[in-house]
Amino acid sequence: MDLRENLKKYAHLIVKAGCNLKKGQEMLISAGLEAAPLVRLVVEEAYSEGAKDVVVAWSDECVTRLHYENSPMECFTNFPEWRAVLENGIAKRGGIILSIMSDDPQAMAGVDPKKLLATSKASHAACKPFFDGMNFGHNVWCIVGAASPAWAKRVFPDCTEEEAVSKLWEAIFHAVRVDTPDPVAAWGAHRRSFEQRRAYLNEKQFDKLVYRNSIGTDITLGMPKNHIWQGGGSETVDGVYFFPNMPTEEIFCTPDRTRTNGTVHSALPLSFQGVLIDDFSLTYKDGRIVSCSAAKGEDTLKEIIATDDGSKMLGECALIPKQSPISEMSVLFYNTLFDENAACHFAIGMGFPECVKGGLEMTTEQLLEAGINDSSAHVDFMLGTPDLSITGVTANGEEVPLFRDGGWAF
């Protein structure tokens, strides 16, 4: 594998397709120190495409852990003012927001989950323009991955560090189609591949979806009126097409926040802010979680659910067949960006305004009335199994197979 050449192709793909950077735009990159080789190439590529300014906000997971272990709670309930000025300013000026993820999936194992959740709540409160810019289609945003030694050894524990890093880069490049002759063109074709199924689902306007599998998932999701299935990328209110997640294999929507009933079991571990949550289940009644359990990471799971009122409800349901490229690699990445594209998933918390007709022009109150959840949390978890069945039920009671044996039924 020619790592340098593939990193250059990856950087070009991120800037051209993921971010669709326009001349004169600003870009904010959040990245760990381990991702520096890729970050430098992305910065170079962004300037070559005409970026006005590129700011990199570096982090180091070892320093971050020391902060969580030694600082009092007040440091986490009060978001740094300088960071809020930076993020809100970039958003208000129409800048691009890029996150490059490379952290060890268990970097924060054992850290007080209350501190982790306090940081998330404080950031959403202090950086409302920043998050609204992404949520309501005013800013292009993109999340990608970069291999690091600690992450690679989690994924490939039986390899040497050098071998593990090489194998993880190879898996990332395959997942994002960097190993094709023209990755940007490949993503254009990938975008078009979603259109037929999205059109079918949107035409049907199912009243509810019923999920069942052999590990105990038996749950029904009510769907909002005038809902819209999305997938293959997103578009700003100004008509700029971009890819928020690279990779992406999902067609997704937002369920009605008040009409979820039943129990869902996790199919893969969830890595949340460096804590692994595994073998867990959630039971819903009239949209709200009424009970939960986890074999590992239960305290953190409960803290996620307790983030705010909206974190007790669902914000997303996403359809990914077992035949997806990431699933077929049979690699557990311990990273939601990749693992969510290997299996159908739900998300606790915030829903998507673009998933209901006219949603990007609605107020928060109007979105709630339309059934779209609001929360400072949005945490994806995987539920798809090889025997998963999903049935769509129309308003007149017609049952339509959507998934059978973990794959598309239409």
Protein backbone atom coordinates (compact mmCIF):
# COMPACT_ATOMS: atom_id res chain seq x y z
CA MET A 1 0.00 0.00 0.00
CA ASP A 2 1.41 3.39 -1.01
CA LEU A 3 0.28 5.25 2.09
CA ARG A 4 1.41 8.71 1.04
CA GLU A 5 -0.33 8.48 -2.33
CA ASN A 6 -3.55 7.17 -0.80
CA LEU A 7 -3.51 9.87 1.88
CA LYS A 8 -3.27 12.51 -0.87
CA LYS A 9 -6.22 10.91 -2.69
CA TYR A 10 -8.13 10.79 0.59
CA ALA A 11 -7.44 14.46 1.34
CA HIS A 12 -8.59 15.42 -2.16
CA LEU A 13 -11.78 13.37 -1.72
CA ILE A 14 -12.54 14.95 1.66
CA VAL A 15 -12.18 18.51 0.37
CA LYS A 16 -13.82 18.04 -3.06
CA ALA A 17 -16.65 15.60 -2.30
CA GLY A 18 -17.06 15.51 1.48
CA CYS A 19 -16.81 19.26 2.03
CA ASN A 20 -17.40 20.56 -1.52
CA LEU A 21 -15.30 23.59 -0.59
CA LYS A 22 -15.97 26.83 -2.47
CA LYS A 23 -13.42 29.57 -3.11
CA GLY A 24 -13.22 32.07 -0.28
CA GLN A 25 -14.68 29.79 2.41
CA GLU A 26 -13.23 29.22 5.86
CA MET A 27 -12.71 25.74 7.30
CA LEU A 28 -12.46 24.56 10.90
CA ILE A 29 -10.77 21.16 11.38
CA SER A 30 -11.00 19.29 14.69
CA ALA A 31 -8.43 16.50 14.91
CA GLY A 32 -6.19 14.54 17.25
CA LEU A 33 -2.42 14.77 17.04
CA GLU A 34 -2.19 11.24 15.60
CA ALA A 35 -4.04 12.43 12.48
CA ALA A 36 -1.45 15.12 11.69
CA PRO A 37 -0.19 13.61 8.39
CA LEU A 38 -3.72 13.57 6.95
CA VAL A 39 -4.61 16.96 8.47
CA ARG A 40 -1.65 18.64 6.78
CA LEU A 41 -2.65 17.22 3.40
CA VAL A 42 -6.27 18.34 3.89
CA VAL A 43 -5.11 21.85 4.78
CA GLU A 44 -2.88 21.93 1.69
CA GLU A 45 -5.73 20.67 -0.49
CA ALA A 46 -8.17 23.20 0.99
CA TYR A 47 -5.89 26.12 0.22
CA SER A 48 -5.28 24.81 -3.30
CA GLU A 49 -9.06 24.82 -3.81
CA GLY A 50 -9.28 28.46 -2.74
CA ALA A 51 -9.96 28.35 1.00
CA LYS A 52 -9.73 31.76 2.66
CA ASP A 53 -8.55 30.41 6.02
CA VAL A 54 -8.12 26.96 7.56
CA VAL A 55 -8.02 26.67 11.36
CA VAL A 56 -7.01 23.41 13.06
CA ALA A 57 -8.21 22.74 16.62
CA TRP A 58 -5.86 20.03 17.87
CA SER A 59 -6.56 17.60 20.71
CA ASP A 60 -4.60 14.88 22.49
CA GLU A 61 -6.47 12.03 24.13
CA CYS A 62 -3.83 11.57 26.85
CA VAL A 63 -4.08 15.23 27.89
CA THR A 64 -7.87 15.06 27.65
CA ARG A 65 -7.95 12.06 29.98
CA LEU A 66 -5.73 13.84 32.50
CA HIS A 67 -8.16 16.75 32.38
CA TYR A 68 -11.14 14.49 33.14
CA GLU A 69 -9.30 12.68 35.93
CA ASN A 70 -8.00 15.76 37.73
CA SER A 71 -10.27 18.75 37.08
CA PRO A 72 -13.41 19.46 39.16
CA MET A 73 -16.90 19.17 37.69
CA GLU A 74 -17.22 22.95 37.26
CA CYS A 75 -14.62 22.75 34.48
CA PHE A 76 -16.98 20.55 32.46
CA THR A 77 -20.22 22.40 33.10
CA ASN A 78 -18.64 25.65 31.86
CA PHE A 79 -17.63 25.42 28.20
CA PRO A 80 -14.44 27.39 27.33
CA GLU A 81 -15.46 30.83 26.08
CA TRP A 82 -12.65 31.00 23.51
CA ARG A 83 -13.79 27.74 21.90
CA ALA A 84 -17.40 28.94 21.69
CA VAL A 85 -16.23 32.16 20.00
CA LEU A 86 -14.20 30.13 17.50
CA GLU A 87 -16.95 27.62 16.64
CA ASN A 88 -19.86 30.05 16.58
CA GLY A 89 -17.86 32.52 14.52
CA ILE A 90 -16.97 29.93 11.87
CA ALA A 91 -20.61 28.85 11.66
CA LYS A 92 -21.98 32.39 11.37
CA ARG A 93 -19.53 33.17 8.55
CA GLY A 94 -20.63 30.09 6.58
CA GLY A 95 -17.47 28.09 7.21
CA ILE A 96 -17.00 24.35 6.72
CA ILE A 97 -16.80 22.15 9.82
CA LEU A 98 -14.60 19.06 9.43
CA SER A 99 -13.91 16.44 12.12
CA ILE A 100 -11.14 13.88 11.68
CA MET A 101 -11.53 11.02 14.17
CA SER A 102 -8.58 8.88 15.27
CA ASP A 103 -8.93 8.35 19.03
CA ASP A 104 -8.59 5.07 20.90
CA PRO A 105 -12.18 3.76 21.28
CA GLN A 106 -11.52 3.15 25.00
CA ALA A 107 -9.39 6.19 25.75
CA MET A 108 -11.83 7.40 28.41
CA ALA A 109 -12.70 4.02 29.97
CA GLY A 110 -13.18 4.50 33.70
CA VAL A 111 -13.68 8.26 33.47
CA ASP A 112 -16.69 9.63 35.38
CA PRO A 113 -19.52 9.51 32.79
CA LYS A 114 -21.12 12.55 34.42
CA LYS A 115 -18.13 14.64 33.34
CA LEU A 116 -18.33 13.34 29.77
CA LEU A 117 -22.01 14.19 29.51
CA ALA A 118 -21.54 17.55 31.21
CA THR A 119 -19.04 18.51 28.50
CA SER A 120 -21.52 17.57 25.78
CA LYS A 121 -24.38 19.54 27.39
CA ALA A 122 -22.21 22.59 28.01
CA SER A 123 -20.90 22.64 24.44
CA HIS A 124 -24.40 22.46 22.96
CA ALA A 125 -25.58 25.29 25.21
CA ALA A 126 -22.60 27.56 24.49
CA CYS A 127 -22.33 26.74 20.77
CA LYS A 128 -25.95 26.86 19.67
CA PRO A 129 -25.19 28.77 16.42
CA PHE A 130 -22.52 26.18 15.63
CA PHE A 131 -24.82 23.19 16.07
CA ASP A 132 -27.83 24.93 14.50
CA GLY A 133 -25.68 25.74 11.47
CA MET A 134 -25.15 22.03 10.89
CA ASN A 135 -28.61 20.86 11.93
CA PHE A 136 -30.55 23.38 9.85
CA GLY A 137 -28.51 23.21 6.64
CA HIS A 138 -26.57 26.47 6.89
CA ASN A 139 -23.11 24.92 7.14
CA VAL A 140 -21.34 22.11 5.33
CA TRP A 141 -19.98 19.58 7.81
CA CYS A 142 -18.11 16.33 7.39
CA ILE A 143 -16.74 13.57 9.65
CA VAL A 144 -13.96 11.22 8.50
CA GLY A 145 -11.57 8.77 10.11
CA ALA A 146 -7.78 8.51 10.36
CA ALA A 147 -5.82 5.50 11.60
CA SER A 148 -3.81 5.81 14.80
CA PRO A 149 -1.72 3.20 16.67
CA ALA A 150 -4.05 2.96 19.69
CA TRP A 151 -7.20 2.67 17.57
CA ALA A 152 -5.54 0.20 15.17
CA LYS A 153 -4.47 -2.09 18.02
CA ARG A 154 -8.06 -2.18 19.30
CA VAL A 155 -9.28 -3.27 15.88
CA PHE A 156 -6.41 -5.67 15.12
CA PRO A 157 -5.08 -6.76 18.55
CA ASP A 158 -3.11 -9.75 17.22
CA CYS A 159 -0.97 -7.64 14.85
CA THR A 160 2.12 -5.62 15.57
CA GLU A 161 1.46 -1.90 15.89
CA GLU A 162 2.88 -1.20 12.43
CA GLU A 163 0.84 -4.01 10.84
CA ALA A 164 -2.32 -2.92 12.66
CA VAL A 165 -1.99 0.70 11.48
CA SER A 166 -1.41 -0.47 7.91
CA LYS A 167 -4.45 -2.78 8.02
CA LEU A 168 -6.66 -0.06 9.51
CA TRP A 169 -5.65 2.43 6.82
CA GLU A 170 -6.38 -0.21 4.20
CA ALA A 171 -9.85 -0.78 5.70
CA ILE A 172 -10.56 2.96 5.85
CA PHE A 173 -9.46 3.49 2.26
CA HIS A 174 -11.72 0.67 1.09
CA ALA A 175 -14.68 1.94 3.13
CA VAL A 176 -14.41 5.42 1.58
CA ARG A 177 -13.58 4.18 -1.93
CA VAL A 178 -10.09 5.68 -2.00
CA ASP A 179 -8.92 2.39 -3.51
CA THR A 180 -10.88 3.10 -6.73
CA PRO A 181 -9.32 4.81 -9.78
CA ASP A 182 -11.34 8.02 -9.26
CA PRO A 183 -12.72 8.30 -5.70
CA VAL A 184 -14.61 11.55 -6.37
CA ALA A 185 -16.41 9.99 -9.36
CA ALA A 186 -17.06 6.84 -7.30
CA TRP A 187 -18.82 8.97 -4.67
CA GLY A 188 -20.91 10.61 -7.36
CA ALA A 189 -22.08 7.17 -8.50
CA HIS A 190 -22.58 6.14 -4.86
CA ARG A 191 -24.84 9.16 -4.34
CA ARG A 192 -27.02 8.18 -7.30
CA SER A 193 -27.33 4.58 -6.08
CA PHE A 194 -29.57 5.69 -3.19
CA GLU A 195 -32.13 7.52 -5.29
CA GLN A 196 -34.41 4.66 -6.37
CA ARG A 197 -34.94 3.22 -2.88
CA ARG A 198 -35.35 6.66 -1.32
CA ALA A 199 -38.03 7.49 -3.90
CA TYR A 200 -39.88 4.23 -3.17
CA LEU A 201 -39.83 4.77 0.60
CA ASN A 202 -40.93 8.40 0.31
CA GLU A 203 -43.78 7.49 -2.02
CA LYS A 204 -45.07 4.85 0.41
CA GLN A 205 -45.23 7.24 3.40
CA PHE A 206 -45.43 4.37 5.89
CA ASP A 207 -47.36 5.02 9.08
CA LYS A 208 -45.05 2.74 11.08
CA LEU A 209 -42.11 0.35 10.85
CA VAL A 210 -41.92 -2.98 12.71
CA TYR A 211 -38.46 -4.41 13.55
CA ARG A 212 -37.86 -7.99 14.70
CA ASN A 213 -34.86 -10.33 15.04
CA SER A 214 -33.67 -13.35 17.00
CA ILE A 215 -31.69 -11.47 19.68
CA GLY A 216 -34.84 -9.95 21.14
CA THR A 217 -35.54 -6.82 19.14
CA ASP A 218 -39.30 -6.36 18.78
CA ILE A 219 -40.07 -2.70 18.35
CA THR A 220 -42.47 -0.50 16.38
CA LEU A 221 -41.63 3.02 15.23
CA GLY A 222 -44.38 5.44 14.28
CA MET A 223 -43.41 7.70 11.37
CA PRO A 224 -44.27 11.42 11.10
CA LYS A 225 -46.63 12.66 8.42
CA ASN A 226 -44.80 14.04 5.38
CA HIS A 227 -41.55 12.39 6.44
CA ILE A 228 -38.62 12.30 4.01
CA TRP A 229 -36.05 9.52 3.73
CA GLN A 230 -32.57 10.87 3.11
CA GLY A 231 -29.27 9.20 2.22
CA GLY A 232 -26.22 9.42 0.03
CA GLY A 233 -25.37 12.94 1.16
CA SER A 234 -26.99 16.21 2.19
CA GLU A 235 -27.66 19.65 0.76
CA THR A 236 -27.45 23.06 2.42
CA VAL A 237 -30.27 25.56 2.14
CA ASP A 238 -28.08 27.29 -0.47
CA GLY A 239 -27.99 24.15 -2.61
CA VAL A 240 -24.44 22.95 -1.83
CA TYR A 241 -24.27 19.15 -1.92
CA PHE A 242 -21.88 17.46 0.52
CA PHE A 243 -21.31 14.22 2.42
CA PRO A 244 -21.63 14.62 6.22
CA ASN A 245 -20.22 11.14 6.87
CA MET A 246 -17.50 9.39 4.92
CA PRO A 247 -18.16 6.48 4.72
CA THR A 248 -21.94 6.35 4.38
CA GLU A 249 -24.15 3.46 3.32
CA GLU A 250 -27.39 4.48 5.01
CA ILE A 251 -30.83 5.58 4.00
CA PHE A 252 -32.21 7.31 7.08
CA CYS A 253 -35.24 9.08 8.48
CA THR A 254 -36.54 10.46 11.76
CA PRO A 255 -39.33 8.57 13.54
CA ASP A 256 -42.20 10.25 15.38
CA ARG A 257 -40.73 11.00 18.80
CA THR A 258 -43.92 9.93 20.66
CA ARG A 259 -44.75 6.66 18.87
CA THR A 260 -41.93 4.21 19.62
CA ASN A 261 -43.00 1.07 21.50
CA GLY A 262 -41.13 -2.15 22.30
CA THR A 263 -37.57 -3.32 22.96
CA VAL A 264 -34.42 -3.01 20.87
CA HIS A 265 -31.18 -4.93 21.50
CA SER A 266 -27.75 -3.78 20.39
CA ALA A 267 -26.05 -5.87 17.71
CA LEU A 268 -22.58 -4.30 18.01
CA PRO A 269 -20.69 -2.49 20.78
CA LEU A 270 -21.07 1.27 21.02
CA SER A 271 -17.97 3.38 21.64
CA PHE A 272 -19.09 6.65 23.23
CA GLN A 273 -16.46 9.28 24.04
CA GLY A 274 -13.86 6.61 24.73
CA VAL A 275 -16.16 4.32 26.77
CA LEU A 276 -17.34 0.97 25.38
CA ILE A 277 -21.02 0.09 25.92
CA ASP A 278 -21.85 -3.50 24.98
CA ASP A 279 -24.71 -6.01 24.96
CA PHE A 280 -27.40 -3.49 25.87
CA SER A 281 -31.13 -3.10 25.39
CA LEU A 282 -33.63 -0.25 25.56
CA THR A 283 -37.37 -0.54 26.13
CA TYR A 284 -39.69 2.23 24.91
CA LYS A 285 -43.28 3.11 25.72
CA ASP A 286 -45.07 5.92 23.88
CA GLY A 287 -41.76 7.22 22.61
CA ARG A 288 -39.80 7.26 25.87
CA ILE A 289 -37.20 4.86 27.27
CA VAL A 290 -38.72 3.23 30.34
CA SER A 291 -35.90 0.76 31.09
CA CYS A 292 -32.40 -0.14 29.94
CA SER A 293 -29.61 -2.59 30.72
CA ALA A 294 -26.06 -3.23 29.52
CA ALA A 295 -23.49 -5.95 30.20
CA LYS A 296 -20.75 -3.31 29.93
CA GLY A 297 -20.88 0.47 30.29
CA GLU A 298 -24.38 0.63 31.81
CA ASP A 299 -23.59 3.73 33.89
CA THR A 300 -22.54 5.63 30.77
CA LEU A 301 -25.62 4.43 28.90
CA LYS A 302 -27.83 5.76 31.70
CA GLU A 303 -26.01 9.10 31.64
CA ILE A 304 -26.61 9.39 27.88
CA ILE A 305 -30.31 8.74 28.39
CA ALA A 306 -30.40 11.34 31.19
CA THR A 307 -28.74 14.07 29.10
CA ASP A 308 -32.03 15.96 28.71
CA ASP A 309 -35.71 15.25 28.07
CA GLY A 310 -35.16 14.54 24.38
CA SER A 311 -32.43 11.96 25.00
CA LYS A 312 -35.12 9.56 26.23
CA MET A 313 -36.58 9.46 22.70
CA LEU A 314 -35.42 8.36 19.24
CA GLY A 315 -34.10 10.78 16.64
CA GLU A 316 -33.08 8.49 13.78
CA CYS A 317 -33.72 5.16 12.11
CA ALA A 318 -31.28 4.12 9.39
CA LEU A 319 -31.43 1.24 6.92
CA ILE A 320 -28.19 -0.50 5.88
CA PRO A 321 -28.23 -3.99 4.33
CA LYS A 322 -25.80 -6.68 5.47
CA GLN A 323 -24.34 -6.59 1.96
CA SER A 324 -22.76 -3.17 2.53
CA PRO A 325 -19.00 -2.92 1.79
CA ILE A 326 -18.19 -2.28 5.46
CA SER A 327 -20.26 -5.21 6.66
CA GLU A 328 -18.64 -7.50 4.10
CA MET A 329 -15.16 -6.59 5.41
CA SER A 330 -16.17 -8.22 8.73
CA VAL A 331 -14.11 -5.64 10.63
CA LEU A 332 -15.41 -4.29 13.94
CA PHE A 333 -14.03 -0.73 13.99
CA TYR A 334 -15.19 0.19 17.53
CA ASN A 335 -16.05 3.54 15.94
CA THR A 336 -19.63 4.57 15.23
CA LEU A 337 -18.72 6.43 12.02
CA PHE A 338 -17.74 3.10 10.46
CA ASP A 339 -19.75 0.53 12.43
CA GLU A 340 -23.07 2.32 11.88
CA ASN A 341 -22.55 1.74 8.16
CA ALA A 342 -22.29 -2.00 8.67
CA ALA A 343 -25.74 -2.45 10.21
CA CYS A 344 -29.15 -0.86 10.60
CA HIS A 345 -29.11 1.57 13.49
CA PHE A 346 -31.15 3.92 15.64
CA ALA A 347 -30.03 7.12 17.35
CA ILE A 348 -30.96 8.32 20.80
CA GLY A 349 -31.73 12.04 20.88
CA MET A 350 -31.97 14.75 18.26
CA GLY A 351 -33.91 14.20 15.05
CA PHE A 352 -33.20 15.67 11.62
CA PRO A 353 -35.19 18.71 10.39
CA GLU A 354 -34.51 17.71 6.76
CA CYS A 355 -36.43 14.47 7.34
CA VAL A 356 -39.84 16.19 7.33
CA LYS A 357 -41.30 18.37 4.60
CA GLY A 358 -40.42 22.01 5.26
CA GLY A 359 -38.40 21.07 8.35
CA LEU A 360 -35.41 23.30 7.63
CA GLU A 361 -37.70 26.34 7.78
CA MET A 362 -39.47 25.28 11.00
CA THR A 363 -38.82 26.49 14.54
CA THR A 364 -37.89 24.01 17.26
CA GLU A 365 -41.47 24.16 18.54
CA GLN A 366 -42.90 23.45 15.08
CA LEU A 367 -40.53 20.51 14.65
CA LEU A 368 -41.61 19.06 17.98
CA GLU A 369 -45.23 19.41 16.91
CA ALA A 370 -44.39 17.56 13.69
CA GLY A 371 -42.90 14.70 15.73
CA ILE A 372 -39.21 15.54 15.25
CA ASN A 373 -37.22 15.11 18.46
CA ASP A 374 -35.00 17.81 19.98
CA SER A 375 -32.00 17.06 22.21
CA SER A 376 -28.39 18.05 22.76
CA ALA A 377 -27.56 14.35 22.30
CA HIS A 378 -27.46 12.28 19.13
CA VAL A 379 -25.96 8.85 19.79
CA ASP A 380 -26.12 6.13 17.14
CA PHE A 381 -26.23 2.45 18.07
CA MET A 382 -26.37 -0.62 15.87
CA LEU A 383 -29.26 -3.10 15.89
CA GLY A 384 -28.98 -4.82 12.51
CA THR A 385 -28.42 -8.59 12.47
CA PRO A 386 -28.25 -11.15 9.63
CA ASP A 387 -31.86 -12.17 10.39
CA LEU A 388 -33.37 -8.72 10.89
CA SER A 389 -36.80 -8.17 9.41
CA ILE A 390 -38.39 -4.75 8.92
CA THR A 391 -41.98 -4.37 7.76
CA GLY A 392 -43.54 -1.11 6.68
CA VAL A 393 -47.21 -0.61 7.55
CA THR A 394 -49.22 1.93 5.58
CA ALA A 395 -51.99 4.11 6.98
CA ASN A 396 -54.60 1.66 5.62
CA GLY A 397 -52.90 -1.32 7.28
CA GLU A 398 -51.06 -2.78 4.26
CA GLU A 399 -47.87 -4.60 5.34
CA VAL A 400 -44.89 -4.23 2.99
CA PRO A 401 -41.60 -6.17 3.51
CA LEU A 402 -38.64 -3.76 3.58
CA PHE A 403 -35.93 -6.01 5.05
CA ARG A 404 -35.79 -9.79 5.25
CA ASP A 405 -32.77 -11.74 6.54
CA GLY A 406 -30.83 -8.55 7.05
CA GLY A 407 -31.12 -7.27 3.46
CA TRP A 408 -33.45 -5.33 1.22
CA ALA A 409 -36.72 -7.08 0.41
CA PHE A 410 -37.55 -4.80 -2.52
